[in-house]
């Protein structure tokens, strides 16, 4: 359309012609960049994966365990194997609980070829996480990223030792967030990351990494015989658990008996109650005779605060339910429909019987 049309009747014909000529000249001078071709896109993807692998692979280890068997000549059997990754330069390694649980001897093969004995620092079957340590210094280590910033569809790279093939790399995307699965102890693990990056037995305990080389999850499970359905424990859960295992060797947890799910809060409710967070934890289920049941929580309530500390997702609620909360009457704030209310709850110490 000629931009001078609006001026006709109020401007001279010469001005109209000049404006139209300028418009044609401007359009002719515009440079249209051609779309990137498939080869360029694939090269960029490959370079990203290669760069991440070069950064992270030196931190990934192969773990071999031996179980105590008194009837054997050396008192041990061959046990199993799995993966892990160095999280501190002084030898702390994060892995899955099911890789090292009950092991009489743990051996770690580093990426540089060294093989060292490891000791168990702490084991938490409830989240299927464990920390072991080797006596070595100045080790290359990874950074644990923020799993709350992970988005469905982003690149996900897994490194581990499936079937003993060390330093195996697979790549895919984050398929889904907020999954739940049960640990071997029976406890529900929330905020699981689903990925289609191929995992196999032996990948357990290895890192799931984003395009910046940050660990976003600890690879933990596959569904057989399905393909492309694999799971990792979120890095924010791993940070919390690893810190306590290094500090005390175990985790004493408060328990309230709620099955939760992260949900957004409606904007109108958010504004009306002036809430500082736009997400909360939906009470999807209640265990009978639990602290939550006695406190008056109902299915459908959305937990937004615990002891006046915000709760925007399940990991935050778990972080509040630490040892210091056990046996202490505590205020829990929930949204019930559109109403905000405070209830008093007394967390109990978590035990496998729960």
Protein backbone atom coordinates (compact mmCIF):
# COMPACT_ATOMS: atom_id res chain seq x y z
CA UNK A 1 0.00 0.00 0.00
CA UNK A 2 1.30 3.53 -0.86
CA UNK A 3 2.09 5.36 2.35
CA UNK A 4 1.20 8.72 0.71
CA UNK A 5 -2.46 7.81 0.32
CA UNK A 6 -3.40 9.42 3.62
CA UNK A 7 -1.89 12.72 2.50
CA UNK A 8 -3.82 13.05 -0.73
CA UNK A 9 -6.07 16.10 -0.80
CA UNK A 10 -3.88 17.86 1.78
CA UNK A 11 -0.47 17.67 0.09
CA UNK A 12 0.76 18.57 -3.38
CA UNK A 13 1.01 15.91 -6.13
CA UNK A 14 4.78 16.38 -6.11
CA UNK A 15 4.98 15.46 -2.40
CA UNK A 16 2.82 12.42 -3.01
CA UNK A 17 5.11 11.20 -5.82
CA UNK A 18 8.21 11.79 -3.70
CA UNK A 19 6.85 9.81 -0.75
CA UNK A 20 5.85 6.89 -2.98
CA UNK A 21 9.29 6.91 -4.67
CA UNK A 22 10.99 6.84 -1.25
CA UNK A 23 8.82 3.90 -0.20
CA UNK A 24 9.78 1.90 -3.29
CA UNK A 25 13.47 2.72 -2.77
CA UNK A 26 13.30 1.63 0.90
CA UNK A 27 11.63 -1.65 -0.03
CA UNK A 28 14.23 -2.32 -2.72
CA UNK A 29 17.10 -1.73 -0.28
CA UNK A 30 15.77 -4.18 2.36
CA UNK A 31 17.99 -7.21 2.86
CA UNK A 32 16.17 -10.52 3.43
CA UNK A 33 18.31 -13.10 5.19
CA UNK A 34 17.87 -16.64 3.87
CA UNK A 35 16.62 -19.19 6.40
CA UNK A 36 19.23 -21.41 7.97
CA UNK A 37 19.50 -24.75 6.19
CA UNK A 38 19.24 -28.15 7.86
CA UNK A 39 23.00 -28.76 7.75
CA UNK A 40 23.70 -25.58 9.73
CA UNK A 41 21.09 -26.48 12.34
CA UNK A 42 22.44 -30.01 12.72
CA UNK A 43 26.01 -28.75 12.98
CA UNK A 44 24.97 -26.33 15.72
CA UNK A 45 23.22 -29.13 17.63
CA UNK A 46 26.22 -31.44 17.25
CA UNK A 47 28.63 -28.77 18.43
CA UNK A 48 26.49 -28.12 21.49
CA UNK A 49 26.41 -31.80 22.44
CA UNK A 50 30.16 -32.22 21.82
CA UNK A 51 30.99 -29.14 23.90
CA UNK A 52 28.89 -30.39 26.82
CA UNK A 53 30.41 -33.87 26.65
CA UNK A 54 33.96 -32.49 26.68
CA UNK A 55 33.09 -30.50 29.80
CA UNK A 56 31.21 -33.17 31.75
CA UNK A 57 32.69 -36.51 30.73
CA UNK A 58 35.86 -36.14 32.88
CA UNK A 59 33.60 -35.97 35.97
CA UNK A 60 31.65 -39.17 35.24
CA UNK A 61 32.77 -42.39 36.92
CA UNK A 62 31.99 -46.08 36.67
CA UNK A 63 31.08 -47.71 39.99
CA UNK A 64 31.54 -51.41 40.70
CA UNK A 65 30.22 -52.94 43.90
CA UNK A 66 30.87 -56.20 45.71
CA UNK A 67 28.47 -57.79 48.17
CA UNK A 68 29.49 -59.67 51.29
CA UNK A 69 29.12 -63.43 50.74
CA UNK A 70 30.70 -65.44 53.58
CA UNK A 71 30.38 -68.70 51.62
CA UNK A 72 32.68 -67.38 48.88
CA UNK A 73 36.47 -67.91 49.14
CA UNK A 74 37.20 -64.18 49.36
CA UNK A 75 33.99 -63.35 51.21
CA UNK A 76 32.69 -61.22 48.32
CA UNK A 77 30.74 -61.65 45.11
CA UNK A 78 31.01 -59.56 41.95
CA UNK A 79 27.98 -57.40 42.86
CA UNK A 80 26.81 -54.91 40.27
CA UNK A 81 27.79 -51.72 38.51
CA UNK A 82 26.47 -48.26 37.86
CA UNK A 83 27.52 -44.68 37.26
CA UNK A 84 28.18 -41.56 39.29
CA UNK A 85 29.69 -38.10 38.95
CA UNK A 86 32.08 -35.96 40.97
CA UNK A 87 30.35 -33.07 42.78
CA UNK A 88 33.33 -31.70 44.75
CA UNK A 89 37.08 -31.52 44.01
CA UNK A 90 37.95 -33.45 47.17
CA UNK A 91 36.36 -36.70 45.98
CA UNK A 92 32.64 -36.59 46.78
CA UNK A 93 30.61 -38.51 44.18
CA UNK A 94 26.84 -38.55 43.75
CA UNK A 95 25.09 -41.70 42.56
CA UNK A 96 21.92 -43.75 43.08
CA UNK A 97 21.22 -45.50 46.35
CA UNK A 98 20.34 -48.72 44.56
CA UNK A 99 23.81 -48.77 42.98
CA UNK A 100 25.71 -48.87 46.30
CA UNK A 101 23.12 -49.88 48.92
CA UNK A 102 24.35 -52.83 50.97
CA UNK A 103 27.71 -53.02 49.20
CA UNK A 104 30.62 -54.50 51.13
CA UNK A 105 33.17 -52.94 48.79
CA UNK A 106 32.90 -50.06 46.30
CA UNK A 107 35.38 -49.43 43.48
CA UNK A 108 35.39 -46.32 41.31
CA UNK A 109 36.93 -46.11 37.84
CA UNK A 110 37.72 -42.50 36.90
CA UNK A 111 37.66 -41.11 33.38
CA UNK A 112 41.47 -40.83 33.42
CA UNK A 113 41.82 -44.59 33.92
CA UNK A 114 42.55 -44.65 37.65
CA UNK A 115 40.68 -47.18 39.81
CA UNK A 116 40.20 -46.31 43.50
CA UNK A 117 38.33 -47.73 46.46
CA UNK A 118 35.46 -45.62 47.75
CA UNK A 119 33.68 -45.33 51.08
CA UNK A 120 29.98 -44.73 51.62
CA UNK A 121 29.33 -41.24 53.02
CA UNK A 122 25.56 -41.44 53.16
CA UNK A 123 22.69 -43.36 51.63
CA UNK A 124 19.07 -42.28 51.20
CA UNK A 125 16.87 -45.01 49.71
CA UNK A 126 13.83 -42.73 50.03
CA UNK A 127 15.08 -40.57 47.13
CA UNK A 128 17.34 -43.26 45.61
CA UNK A 129 20.40 -41.07 46.12
CA UNK A 130 23.74 -41.74 47.78
CA UNK A 131 27.11 -40.03 48.23
CA UNK A 132 30.39 -41.92 48.18
CA UNK A 133 33.94 -40.61 48.49
CA UNK A 134 37.32 -41.45 47.05
CA UNK A 135 40.61 -40.21 48.48
CA UNK A 136 41.79 -37.98 45.66
CA UNK A 137 42.21 -34.24 45.29
CA UNK A 138 41.79 -31.55 42.67
CA UNK A 139 39.19 -33.54 40.75
CA UNK A 140 37.19 -32.02 37.93
CA UNK A 141 33.61 -31.68 39.13
CA UNK A 142 30.21 -30.67 37.77
CA UNK A 143 27.80 -27.94 38.80
CA UNK A 144 24.31 -28.91 39.86
CA UNK A 145 21.87 -26.68 37.96
CA UNK A 146 18.43 -25.40 38.90
CA UNK A 147 15.87 -28.03 37.88
CA UNK A 148 13.09 -25.49 38.38
CA UNK A 149 14.31 -23.72 35.24
CA UNK A 150 14.12 -26.88 33.11
CA UNK A 151 11.57 -26.75 30.28
CA UNK A 152 9.95 -29.52 28.26
CA UNK A 153 11.64 -29.89 24.88
CA UNK A 154 15.09 -28.65 25.88
CA UNK A 155 18.20 -30.69 25.12
CA UNK A 156 19.04 -33.44 27.62
CA UNK A 157 22.35 -35.33 27.49
CA UNK A 158 23.04 -38.49 29.51
CA UNK A 159 26.51 -39.88 30.25
CA UNK A 160 27.15 -43.18 32.00
CA UNK A 161 28.32 -46.78 31.78
CA UNK A 162 25.46 -48.92 30.43
CA UNK A 163 26.35 -52.62 30.55
CA UNK A 164 29.88 -51.60 31.54
CA UNK A 165 30.53 -49.52 28.41
CA UNK A 166 32.14 -46.55 30.13
CA UNK A 167 31.65 -42.93 29.05
CA UNK A 168 28.66 -43.68 26.83
CA UNK A 169 26.80 -40.57 25.63
CA UNK A 170 23.15 -40.38 24.58
CA UNK A 171 21.13 -37.28 23.78
CA UNK A 172 17.48 -36.35 23.53
CA UNK A 173 15.07 -33.90 25.06
CA UNK A 174 13.22 -33.38 28.31
CA UNK A 175 9.95 -35.21 27.60
CA UNK A 176 7.96 -34.20 30.69
CA UNK A 177 8.32 -32.66 34.16
CA UNK A 178 6.71 -33.28 37.52
CA UNK A 179 6.45 -37.06 37.24
CA UNK A 180 6.29 -39.20 40.38
CA UNK A 181 7.72 -42.65 40.96
CA UNK A 182 8.28 -44.94 43.92
CA UNK A 183 11.72 -45.64 45.28
CA UNK A 184 12.72 -49.16 46.24
CA UNK A 185 11.74 -48.30 49.83
CA UNK A 186 8.20 -47.57 48.63
CA UNK A 187 8.32 -43.82 49.21
CA UNK A 188 6.95 -41.62 46.44
CA UNK A 189 9.65 -39.48 44.81
CA UNK A 190 8.20 -36.30 43.35
CA UNK A 191 9.44 -33.91 40.65
CA UNK A 192 10.96 -36.59 38.46
CA UNK A 193 12.24 -35.54 35.02
CA UNK A 194 11.23 -37.71 32.08
CA UNK A 195 13.57 -37.85 29.08
CA UNK A 196 13.95 -39.78 25.84
CA UNK A 197 17.77 -39.77 26.10
CA UNK A 198 18.44 -43.50 25.97
CA UNK A 199 19.26 -45.12 29.33
CA UNK A 200 20.17 -48.73 30.02
CA UNK A 201 21.19 -50.76 33.08
CA UNK A 202 24.46 -49.23 34.26
CA UNK A 203 23.39 -45.66 33.46
CA UNK A 204 21.91 -45.42 36.95
CA UNK A 205 23.57 -42.66 38.97
CA UNK A 206 24.99 -40.82 35.96
CA UNK A 207 24.23 -37.20 35.14
CA UNK A 208 21.51 -35.78 32.92
CA UNK A 209 22.91 -32.50 31.61
CA UNK A 210 21.57 -29.39 29.88
CA UNK A 211 23.13 -27.48 26.97
CA UNK A 212 25.28 -25.43 29.40
CA UNK A 213 26.87 -28.49 30.93
CA UNK A 214 24.92 -28.20 34.20
CA UNK A 215 23.49 -31.32 35.80
CA UNK A 216 19.69 -31.13 35.84
CA UNK A 217 19.03 -34.67 36.99
CA UNK A 218 20.45 -37.96 38.26
CA UNK A 219 19.53 -40.80 35.90
CA UNK A 220 17.68 -43.41 37.88
CA UNK A 221 15.15 -45.59 36.07
CA UNK A 222 13.82 -46.97 32.82
CA UNK A 223 10.59 -48.71 31.93
CA UNK A 224 11.09 -52.08 30.26
CA UNK A 225 10.30 -52.98 27.52
CA UNK A 226 9.32 -49.38 26.61
CA UNK A 227 11.72 -47.28 24.58
CA UNK A 228 12.36 -43.59 25.10
CA UNK A 229 10.75 -43.44 28.56
CA UNK A 230 13.51 -42.77 31.08
CA UNK A 231 13.61 -40.91 34.38
CA UNK A 232 15.99 -38.74 36.39
CA UNK A 233 15.81 -37.32 39.91
CA UNK A 234 15.70 -33.52 39.73
CA UNK A 235 18.93 -31.70 40.56
CA UNK A 236 17.26 -29.53 43.21
CA UNK A 237 16.28 -32.70 45.10
CA UNK A 238 19.84 -33.99 44.65
CA UNK A 239 21.36 -30.77 46.05
CA UNK A 240 19.25 -30.97 49.19
CA UNK A 241 19.86 -34.68 49.78
CA UNK A 242 23.60 -34.57 49.03
CA UNK A 243 24.16 -31.68 51.43
CA UNK A 244 22.55 -33.58 54.31
CA UNK A 245 24.29 -36.85 53.49
CA UNK A 246 27.69 -35.14 53.49
CA UNK A 247 26.84 -33.34 56.73
CA UNK A 248 25.23 -36.14 58.75
CA UNK A 249 25.35 -39.33 56.68
CA UNK A 250 21.57 -39.62 56.61
CA UNK A 251 18.42 -37.55 56.46
CA UNK A 252 15.88 -37.27 59.25
CA UNK A 253 12.67 -36.18 57.58
CA UNK A 254 9.44 -34.76 58.76
CA UNK A 255 6.36 -36.51 57.40
CA UNK A 256 2.85 -35.12 57.01
CA UNK A 257 1.22 -37.77 54.82
CA UNK A 258 0.44 -35.77 51.68
CA UNK A 259 0.76 -36.80 48.04
CA UNK A 260 1.47 -33.51 46.25
CA UNK A 261 1.58 -32.03 42.78
CA UNK A 262 2.89 -28.65 41.62
CA UNK A 263 0.08 -26.44 40.29
CA UNK A 264 -0.27 -22.80 39.17
CA UNK A 265 -2.47 -20.45 41.21
CA UNK A 266 -5.17 -18.47 39.42
CA UNK A 267 -4.18 -14.84 38.88
CA UNK A 268 -7.31 -13.47 40.59
CA UNK A 269 -6.70 -15.57 43.71
CA UNK A 270 -3.05 -14.56 43.64
CA UNK A 271 -3.88 -10.87 43.59
CA UNK A 272 -6.73 -11.05 46.08
CA UNK A 273 -4.60 -12.75 48.75
CA UNK A 274 -1.41 -10.89 47.71
CA UNK A 275 0.55 -14.13 47.54
CA UNK A 276 4.29 -13.85 46.85
CA UNK A 277 4.33 -17.02 44.70
CA UNK A 278 2.26 -18.03 41.68
CA UNK A 279 2.48 -21.79 42.26
CA UNK A 280 1.64 -24.08 45.15
CA UNK A 281 1.43 -27.78 46.05
CA UNK A 282 -1.91 -29.44 45.36
CA UNK A 283 -2.96 -32.02 47.95
CA UNK A 284 -3.67 -34.91 45.58
CA UNK A 285 -4.00 -37.52 48.33
CA UNK A 286 -3.93 -37.98 52.11
CA UNK A 287 -2.74 -40.99 54.04
CA UNK A 288 -5.07 -42.20 56.82
CA UNK A 289 -4.13 -41.32 60.40
CA UNK A 290 -1.50 -38.90 59.08
CA UNK A 291 -0.57 -35.48 60.50
CA UNK A 292 -2.20 -33.85 57.47
CA UNK A 293 -5.44 -35.72 58.08
CA UNK A 294 -5.48 -34.73 61.75
CA UNK A 295 -4.71 -31.12 60.86
CA UNK A 296 -7.82 -30.93 58.67
CA UNK A 297 -6.23 -30.79 55.22
CA UNK A 298 -8.49 -31.94 52.40
CA UNK A 299 -7.82 -33.26 48.92
CA UNK A 300 -7.88 -30.30 46.57
CA UNK A 301 -6.25 -27.89 49.03
CA UNK A 302 -3.22 -26.03 47.70
CA UNK A 303 -0.34 -25.56 50.16
CA UNK A 304 1.28 -22.13 49.74
CA UNK A 305 3.27 -21.74 52.99
CA UNK A 306 4.77 -23.80 55.79
CA UNK A 307 5.80 -22.07 59.02
CA UNK A 308 5.33 -18.73 57.19
CA UNK A 309 7.85 -19.78 54.53
CA UNK A 310 6.61 -19.87 50.97
CA UNK A 311 5.87 -23.19 49.28
CA UNK A 312 5.74 -22.88 45.51
CA UNK A 313 6.74 -26.44 44.65
CA UNK A 314 7.22 -29.86 46.20
CA UNK A 315 10.98 -29.51 46.67
CA UNK A 316 10.39 -26.46 48.87
CA UNK A 317 7.92 -28.37 51.04
CA UNK A 318 10.43 -31.20 51.43
CA UNK A 319 13.14 -28.73 52.42
CA UNK A 320 10.89 -27.35 55.16
CA UNK A 321 10.19 -30.85 56.50
CA UNK A 322 13.64 -31.36 57.97
CA UNK A 323 14.61 -32.74 61.36
CA UNK A 324 13.93 -29.46 63.19
CA UNK A 325 10.24 -29.63 62.19
CA UNK A 326 9.59 -33.04 63.72
CA UNK A 327 7.17 -32.95 66.65
CA UNK A 328 6.74 -29.16 66.51
CA UNK A 329 3.22 -27.70 66.01
CA UNK A 330 3.60 -25.64 62.86
CA UNK A 331 1.38 -23.34 60.84
CA UNK A 332 0.56 -24.52 57.34
CA UNK A 333 -1.22 -22.14 54.95
CA UNK A 334 -3.51 -23.50 52.26
CA UNK A 335 -5.92 -22.27 49.61
CA UNK A 336 -9.29 -24.02 49.76
CA UNK A 337 -11.21 -23.04 46.65
CA UNK A 338 -10.72 -19.25 46.79
CA UNK A 339 -10.30 -18.96 50.57
CA UNK A 340 -6.93 -18.78 52.32
CA UNK A 341 -6.69 -20.45 55.72
CA UNK A 342 -4.10 -21.40 58.32
CA UNK A 343 -4.05 -24.85 59.93
CA UNK A 344 -1.79 -26.29 62.61
CA UNK A 345 0.13 -29.44 61.75
CA UNK A 346 2.65 -31.51 63.72
CA UNK A 347 5.06 -33.40 61.43
CA UNK A 348 6.21 -36.85 62.49
CA UNK A 349 9.54 -38.45 61.73
CA UNK A 350 9.47 -40.33 58.46
CA UNK A 351 9.89 -44.08 58.75
CA UNK A 352 9.66 -46.73 56.00
CA UNK A 353 6.52 -48.06 57.69
CA UNK A 354 4.78 -44.93 56.47
